Amino acid sequence: MAEEGKADAQLFQLLTNLLQEVEALTNQEEIELRSKIEALGLEVTKVPSKSTPQLDELEIARELDKLSAKLDDVDGMISSAIAADPQVQSLLSGTADVWMPVITATADERRNFTGSIGDDTTEVKDRSCC
């Protein structure tokens, strides 16, 4: 479980670093996007209480619907950011090999990821300067 948390932390650190680069390139502070990334990070790292009763299929379906709605919101935020600024699209496209496997992986696959945040950050910075 700790390894999954590490993968989540790496993903949100990468998103924060990408946002900082976008802000530096555009000379505009993205307050709304920053707060949404932070809120999503908090939501992802929430630990369910131990007293959670067993869910039946209907309750599981409702919870999945809620999660799907949240993912749709994130998709909308990313799409609007891409539409509003071509540099965001370029930055996301150029770093997709780093973040895409993390968000499409199963929990077990994410536990097996290796690498450090520092290495990813350096790679992104190297790409953006050339």
N, C-alpha and C. Protein backbone atom coordinates (compact mmCIF):
# COMPACT_ATOMS: atom_id res chain seq x y z
N MET A 1 0.83 -1.19 0.00
CA MET A 1 0.00 0.00 0.00
C MET A 1 0.87 1.26 0.00
N ALA A 2 1.99 1.20 0.71
CA ALA A 2 2.89 2.36 0.76
C ALA A 2 3.49 2.63 -0.62
N GLU A 3 3.75 1.55 -1.38
CA GLU A 3 4.32 1.74 -2.72
C GLU A 3 3.31 2.41 -3.65
N GLU A 4 2.03 2.07 -3.50
CA GLU A 4 0.99 2.72 -4.32
C GLU A 4 0.93 4.20 -3.98
N GLY A 5 1.05 4.52 -2.70
CA GLY A 5 1.07 5.92 -2.27
C GLY A 5 2.26 6.65 -2.85
N LYS A 6 3.38 5.95 -2.99
CA LYS A 6 4.58 6.56 -3.56
C LYS A 6 4.36 6.88 -5.04
N ALA A 7 3.71 5.96 -5.75
CA ALA A 7 3.41 6.20 -7.17
C ALA A 7 2.47 7.39 -7.32
N ASP A 8 1.47 7.47 -6.43
CA ASP A 8 0.55 8.61 -6.46
C ASP A 8 1.29 9.91 -6.19
N ALA A 9 2.17 9.89 -5.20
CA ALA A 9 2.94 11.09 -4.85
C ALA A 9 3.81 11.52 -6.03
N GLN A 10 4.41 10.53 -6.71
CA GLN A 10 5.25 10.85 -7.87
C GLN A 10 4.41 11.48 -8.99
N LEU A 11 3.23 10.92 -9.22
CA LEU A 11 2.37 11.46 -10.26
C LEU A 11 1.98 12.90 -9.95
N PHE A 12 1.57 13.17 -8.72
CA PHE A 12 1.14 14.52 -8.38
C PHE A 12 2.32 15.49 -8.30
N GLN A 13 3.50 14.99 -7.96
CA GLN A 13 4.69 15.84 -8.02
C GLN A 13 5.00 16.20 -9.46
N LEU A 14 4.87 15.21 -10.36
CA LEU A 14 5.09 15.47 -11.78
C LEU A 14 4.08 16.48 -12.31
N LEU A 15 2.80 16.32 -11.95
CA LEU A 15 1.78 17.27 -12.39
C LEU A 15 2.08 18.68 -11.88
N THR A 16 2.52 18.77 -10.63
CA THR A 16 2.88 20.07 -10.06
C THR A 16 4.07 20.67 -10.80
N ASN A 17 5.06 19.84 -11.10
CA ASN A 17 6.23 20.34 -11.84
C ASN A 17 5.84 20.80 -13.24
N LEU A 18 4.97 20.03 -13.91
CA LEU A 18 4.51 20.43 -15.24
C LEU A 18 3.76 21.76 -15.18
N LEU A 19 2.92 21.91 -14.16
CA LEU A 19 2.18 23.15 -13.99
C LEU A 19 3.13 24.32 -13.77
N GLN A 20 4.16 24.11 -12.97
CA GLN A 20 5.15 25.17 -12.74
C GLN A 20 5.85 25.56 -14.04
N GLU A 21 6.15 24.56 -14.87
CA GLU A 21 6.79 24.86 -16.15
C GLU A 21 5.85 25.64 -17.07
N VAL A 22 4.58 25.25 -17.08
CA VAL A 22 3.59 25.97 -17.90
C VAL A 22 3.49 27.41 -17.41
N GLU A 23 3.43 27.59 -16.10
CA GLU A 23 3.34 28.94 -15.54
C GLU A 23 4.57 29.76 -15.90
N ALA A 24 5.74 29.12 -15.87
CA ALA A 24 6.97 29.84 -16.21
C ALA A 24 6.99 30.22 -17.70
N LEU A 25 6.50 29.31 -18.54
CA LEU A 25 6.48 29.58 -19.98
C LEU A 25 5.47 30.65 -20.36
N THR A 26 4.35 30.67 -19.67
CA THR A 26 3.28 31.61 -20.02
C THR A 26 3.29 32.87 -19.18
N ASN A 27 4.11 32.89 -18.14
CA ASN A 27 4.14 34.01 -17.20
C ASN A 27 2.77 34.30 -16.61
N GLN A 28 1.99 33.24 -16.40
CA GLN A 28 0.66 33.36 -15.81
C GLN A 28 0.53 32.30 -14.72
N GLU A 29 0.00 32.73 -13.58
CA GLU A 29 -0.22 31.78 -12.51
C GLU A 29 -1.56 31.08 -12.74
N GLU A 30 -1.53 29.76 -12.72
CA GLU A 30 -2.73 28.95 -12.95
C GLU A 30 -3.31 28.53 -11.60
N ILE A 31 -3.95 29.46 -10.92
CA ILE A 31 -4.46 29.23 -9.57
C ILE A 31 -5.53 28.14 -9.56
N GLU A 32 -6.46 28.21 -10.48
CA GLU A 32 -7.57 27.25 -10.49
C GLU A 32 -7.06 25.83 -10.77
N LEU A 33 -6.20 25.68 -11.76
CA LEU A 33 -5.67 24.36 -12.08
C LEU A 33 -4.82 23.82 -10.93
N ARG A 34 -4.04 24.69 -10.29
CA ARG A 34 -3.22 24.28 -9.16
C ARG A 34 -4.11 23.75 -8.03
N SER A 35 -5.18 24.47 -7.73
CA SER A 35 -6.06 24.04 -6.64
C SER A 35 -6.77 22.73 -6.98
N LYS A 36 -7.10 22.54 -8.25
CA LYS A 36 -7.76 21.30 -8.65
C LYS A 36 -6.79 20.12 -8.56
N ILE A 37 -5.55 20.31 -8.94
CA ILE A 37 -4.55 19.25 -8.81
C ILE A 37 -4.36 18.90 -7.34
N GLU A 38 -4.27 19.91 -6.49
CA GLU A 38 -4.11 19.66 -5.05
C GLU A 38 -5.32 18.94 -4.47
N ALA A 39 -6.52 19.36 -4.88
CA ALA A 39 -7.74 18.71 -4.37
C ALA A 39 -7.81 17.26 -4.83
N LEU A 40 -7.45 17.01 -6.08
CA LEU A 40 -7.46 15.64 -6.59
C LEU A 40 -6.41 14.80 -5.85
N GLY A 41 -5.26 15.39 -5.59
CA GLY A 41 -4.23 14.68 -4.83
C GLY A 41 -4.70 14.28 -3.46
N LEU A 42 -5.41 15.18 -2.79
CA LEU A 42 -5.96 14.87 -1.47
C LEU A 42 -7.01 13.77 -1.56
N GLU A 43 -7.83 13.84 -2.58
CA GLU A 43 -8.90 12.84 -2.76
C GLU A 43 -8.30 11.45 -2.99
N VAL A 44 -7.25 11.38 -3.80
CA VAL A 44 -6.62 10.11 -4.13
C VAL A 44 -5.94 9.49 -2.91
N THR A 45 -5.39 10.33 -2.05
CA THR A 45 -4.64 9.80 -0.90
C THR A 45 -5.50 9.59 0.34
N LYS A 46 -6.79 9.82 0.24
CA LYS A 46 -7.67 9.57 1.39
C LYS A 46 -7.62 8.09 1.76
N VAL A 47 -7.53 7.84 3.04
CA VAL A 47 -7.53 6.47 3.53
C VAL A 47 -8.93 6.17 4.07
N PRO A 48 -9.57 5.13 3.54
CA PRO A 48 -10.91 4.82 4.03
C PRO A 48 -10.86 4.40 5.49
N SER A 49 -11.92 4.71 6.20
CA SER A 49 -11.97 4.34 7.61
C SER A 49 -12.09 2.82 7.73
N LYS A 50 -11.61 2.31 8.83
CA LYS A 50 -11.62 0.86 9.07
C LYS A 50 -13.03 0.33 9.29
N SER A 51 -13.95 1.19 9.69
CA SER A 51 -15.30 0.75 10.01
C SER A 51 -16.25 0.75 8.81
N THR A 52 -15.70 0.84 7.62
CA THR A 52 -16.54 0.85 6.43
C THR A 52 -17.24 -0.50 6.29
N PRO A 53 -18.56 -0.49 6.25
CA PRO A 53 -19.28 -1.77 6.12
C PRO A 53 -19.11 -2.34 4.71
N GLN A 54 -19.38 -3.62 4.58
CA GLN A 54 -19.31 -4.25 3.27
C GLN A 54 -20.35 -3.62 2.35
N LEU A 55 -19.93 -3.31 1.13
CA LEU A 55 -20.84 -2.70 0.17
C LEU A 55 -21.49 -3.77 -0.69
N ASP A 56 -22.77 -3.58 -0.99
CA ASP A 56 -23.42 -4.49 -1.92
C ASP A 56 -23.17 -3.99 -3.35
N GLU A 57 -23.61 -4.75 -4.31
CA GLU A 57 -23.33 -4.41 -5.71
C GLU A 57 -23.88 -3.05 -6.11
N LEU A 58 -25.04 -2.70 -5.62
CA LEU A 58 -25.66 -1.42 -5.94
C LEU A 58 -24.83 -0.26 -5.39
N GLU A 59 -24.35 -0.40 -4.16
CA GLU A 59 -23.52 0.65 -3.56
C GLU A 59 -22.18 0.77 -4.29
N ILE A 60 -21.62 -0.37 -4.68
CA ILE A 60 -20.37 -0.35 -5.44
C ILE A 60 -20.59 0.37 -6.76
N ALA A 61 -21.69 0.08 -7.42
CA ALA A 61 -22.00 0.74 -8.70
C ALA A 61 -22.13 2.25 -8.51
N ARG A 62 -22.77 2.68 -7.41
CA ARG A 62 -22.90 4.11 -7.13
C ARG A 62 -21.53 4.76 -6.91
N GLU A 63 -20.69 4.07 -6.15
CA GLU A 63 -19.35 4.60 -5.89
C GLU A 63 -18.54 4.69 -7.19
N LEU A 64 -18.67 3.68 -8.03
CA LEU A 64 -17.98 3.71 -9.33
C LEU A 64 -18.50 4.86 -10.19
N ASP A 65 -19.79 5.11 -10.14
CA ASP A 65 -20.35 6.23 -10.88
C ASP A 65 -19.77 7.56 -10.39
N LYS A 66 -19.63 7.68 -9.07
CA LYS A 66 -19.05 8.91 -8.51
C LYS A 66 -17.60 9.08 -8.99
N LEU A 67 -16.85 7.98 -8.95
CA LEU A 67 -15.45 8.05 -9.40
C LEU A 67 -15.37 8.38 -10.89
N SER A 68 -16.27 7.80 -11.67
CA SER A 68 -16.30 8.11 -13.11
C SER A 68 -16.59 9.58 -13.35
N ALA A 69 -17.49 10.14 -12.55
CA ALA A 69 -17.82 11.56 -12.69
C ALA A 69 -16.61 12.42 -12.36
N LYS A 70 -15.86 12.02 -11.32
CA LYS A 70 -14.65 12.77 -10.96
C LYS A 70 -13.61 12.69 -12.08
N LEU A 71 -13.47 11.50 -12.66
CA LEU A 71 -12.53 11.35 -13.78
C LEU A 71 -12.97 12.19 -14.98
N ASP A 72 -14.27 12.25 -15.21
CA ASP A 72 -14.79 13.10 -16.30
C ASP A 72 -14.45 14.57 -16.03
N ASP A 73 -14.55 14.99 -14.76
CA ASP A 73 -14.20 16.36 -14.40
C ASP A 73 -12.73 16.64 -14.68
N VAL A 74 -11.87 15.68 -14.31
CA VAL A 74 -10.43 15.84 -14.56
C VAL A 74 -10.17 15.90 -16.06
N ASP A 75 -10.85 15.03 -16.82
CA ASP A 75 -10.70 15.04 -18.27
C ASP A 75 -11.11 16.39 -18.84
N GLY A 76 -12.20 16.93 -18.32
CA GLY A 76 -12.67 18.25 -18.77
C GLY A 76 -11.66 19.34 -18.46
N MET A 77 -11.06 19.28 -17.26
CA MET A 77 -10.06 20.28 -16.87
C MET A 77 -8.85 20.21 -17.80
N ILE A 78 -8.40 18.98 -18.07
CA ILE A 78 -7.24 18.82 -18.94
C ILE A 78 -7.57 19.29 -20.35
N SER A 79 -8.75 18.91 -20.83
CA SER A 79 -9.15 19.31 -22.19
C SER A 79 -9.24 20.82 -22.33
N SER A 80 -9.81 21.49 -21.30
CA SER A 80 -9.92 22.95 -21.39
C SER A 80 -8.56 23.61 -21.30
N ALA A 81 -7.66 23.04 -20.50
CA ALA A 81 -6.30 23.60 -20.41
C ALA A 81 -5.57 23.44 -21.73
N ILE A 82 -5.76 22.30 -22.38
CA ILE A 82 -5.13 22.05 -23.68
C ILE A 82 -5.70 23.01 -24.73
N ALA A 83 -7.01 23.18 -24.72
CA ALA A 83 -7.65 24.06 -25.70
C ALA A 83 -7.25 25.52 -25.49
N ALA A 84 -7.05 25.91 -24.24
CA ALA A 84 -6.73 27.30 -23.93
C ALA A 84 -5.28 27.66 -24.23
N ASP A 85 -4.39 26.68 -24.20
CA ASP A 85 -2.98 27.00 -24.35
C ASP A 85 -2.25 25.88 -25.09
N PRO A 86 -1.77 26.14 -26.30
CA PRO A 86 -1.07 25.12 -27.08
C PRO A 86 0.20 24.61 -26.38
N GLN A 87 0.79 25.43 -25.52
CA GLN A 87 1.98 24.98 -24.80
C GLN A 87 1.64 23.87 -23.82
N VAL A 88 0.45 23.91 -23.25
CA VAL A 88 0.02 22.84 -22.35
C VAL A 88 -0.08 21.54 -23.14
N GLN A 89 -0.69 21.62 -24.32
CA GLN A 89 -0.80 20.42 -25.15
C GLN A 89 0.58 19.88 -25.51
N SER A 90 1.48 20.76 -25.87
CA SER A 90 2.84 20.35 -26.22
C SER A 90 3.54 19.71 -25.03
N LEU A 91 3.39 20.31 -23.87
CA LEU A 91 4.03 19.79 -22.66
C LEU A 91 3.45 18.43 -22.27
N LEU A 92 2.13 18.29 -22.32
CA LEU A 92 1.52 17.01 -21.98
C LEU A 92 1.89 15.93 -23.00
N SER A 93 1.90 16.29 -24.26
CA SER A 93 2.26 15.32 -25.30
C SER A 93 3.71 14.89 -25.16
N GLY A 94 4.56 15.85 -24.86
CA GLY A 94 5.99 15.55 -24.74
C GLY A 94 6.35 14.73 -23.52
N THR A 95 5.47 14.69 -22.54
CA THR A 95 5.77 13.95 -21.31
C THR A 95 4.82 12.77 -21.10
N ALA A 96 4.01 12.45 -22.10
CA ALA A 96 3.02 11.38 -21.97
C ALA A 96 3.65 10.05 -21.61
N ASP A 97 4.87 9.80 -22.08
CA ASP A 97 5.52 8.54 -21.76
C ASP A 97 5.81 8.40 -20.27
N VAL A 98 5.81 9.52 -19.54
CA VAL A 98 6.05 9.49 -18.10
C VAL A 98 4.74 9.31 -17.34
N TRP A 99 3.71 10.10 -17.65
CA TRP A 99 2.51 10.10 -16.83
C TRP A 99 1.43 9.14 -17.31
N MET A 100 1.38 8.84 -18.58
CA MET A 100 0.31 7.98 -19.10
C MET A 100 0.34 6.57 -18.50
N PRO A 101 1.51 5.92 -18.41
CA PRO A 101 1.52 4.59 -17.81
C PRO A 101 1.04 4.59 -16.36
N VAL A 102 1.28 5.66 -15.64
CA VAL A 102 0.88 5.73 -14.24
C VAL A 102 -0.63 5.78 -14.11
N ILE A 103 -1.28 6.57 -14.93
CA ILE A 103 -2.73 6.71 -14.76
C ILE A 103 -3.52 5.59 -15.44
N THR A 104 -2.90 4.83 -16.32
CA THR A 104 -3.62 3.73 -16.97
C THR A 104 -3.28 2.38 -16.36
N ALA A 105 -2.33 2.33 -15.44
CA ALA A 105 -1.89 1.07 -14.85
C ALA A 105 -2.87 0.58 -13.78
N THR A 106 -2.83 -0.71 -13.57
CA THR A 106 -3.58 -1.27 -12.45
C THR A 106 -2.81 -0.97 -11.16
N ALA A 107 -3.44 -1.18 -10.03
CA ALA A 107 -2.78 -0.93 -8.75
C ALA A 107 -1.51 -1.77 -8.62
N ASP A 108 -1.57 -3.03 -9.05
CA ASP A 108 -0.39 -3.90 -8.96
C ASP A 108 0.73 -3.39 -9.87
N GLU A 109 0.39 -2.96 -11.07
CA GLU A 109 1.41 -2.42 -11.98
C GLU A 109 2.05 -1.17 -11.41
N ARG A 110 1.22 -0.31 -10.79
CA ARG A 110 1.73 0.93 -10.23
C ARG A 110 2.69 0.65 -9.07
N ARG A 111 2.44 -0.41 -8.32
CA ARG A 111 3.35 -0.76 -7.21
C ARG A 111 4.73 -1.14 -7.73
N ASN A 112 4.78 -1.63 -8.96
CA ASN A 112 6.06 -2.09 -9.52
C ASN A 112 6.85 -1.01 -10.23
N PHE A 113 6.28 0.19 -10.36
CA PHE A 113 7.00 1.27 -11.01
C PHE A 113 8.24 1.64 -10.20
N THR A 114 9.29 1.99 -10.93
CA THR A 114 10.50 2.46 -10.27
C THR A 114 10.89 3.79 -10.88
N GLY A 115 11.86 4.42 -10.29
CA GLY A 115 12.33 5.72 -10.79
C GLY A 115 12.13 6.76 -9.72
N SER A 116 12.80 7.86 -9.90
CA SER A 116 12.69 8.92 -8.90
C SER A 116 12.07 10.15 -9.52
N ILE A 117 11.48 10.96 -8.69
CA ILE A 117 10.86 12.19 -9.14
C ILE A 117 11.92 13.11 -9.75
N GLY A 118 13.08 13.14 -9.15
CA GLY A 118 14.15 14.01 -9.65
C GLY A 118 14.54 13.67 -11.08
N ASP A 119 14.60 12.36 -11.40
CA ASP A 119 14.95 11.96 -12.76
C ASP A 119 13.89 12.41 -13.75
N ASP A 120 12.61 12.24 -13.39
CA ASP A 120 11.51 12.64 -14.27
C ASP A 120 11.52 14.14 -14.49
N THR A 121 11.76 14.91 -13.44
CA THR A 121 11.75 16.36 -13.53
C THR A 121 12.86 16.83 -14.45
N THR A 122 14.04 16.24 -14.30
CA THR A 122 15.17 16.62 -15.13
C THR A 122 14.87 16.34 -16.59
N GLU A 123 14.26 15.18 -16.85
CA GLU A 123 13.94 14.82 -18.22
C GLU A 123 12.96 15.81 -18.83
N VAL A 124 11.94 16.19 -18.10
CA VAL A 124 10.95 17.15 -18.58
C VAL A 124 11.60 18.49 -18.85
N LYS A 125 12.44 18.96 -17.94
CA LYS A 125 13.10 20.24 -18.12
C LYS A 125 14.00 20.22 -19.35
N ASP A 126 14.70 19.09 -19.55
CA ASP A 126 15.59 18.99 -20.71
C ASP A 126 14.79 19.10 -22.00
N ARG A 127 13.61 18.48 -22.05
CA ARG A 127 12.78 18.52 -23.25
C ARG A 127 12.27 19.93 -23.52
N SER A 128 11.91 20.65 -22.47
CA SER A 128 11.27 21.94 -22.68
C SER A 128 12.27 23.02 -23.09
N CYS A 129 13.53 22.81 -22.81
CA CYS A 129 14.50 23.85 -23.13
C CYS A 129 14.94 23.82 -24.58
N CYS A 130 14.70 22.70 -25.31
CA CYS A 130 15.23 22.57 -26.67
C CYS A 130 14.20 22.75 -27.74
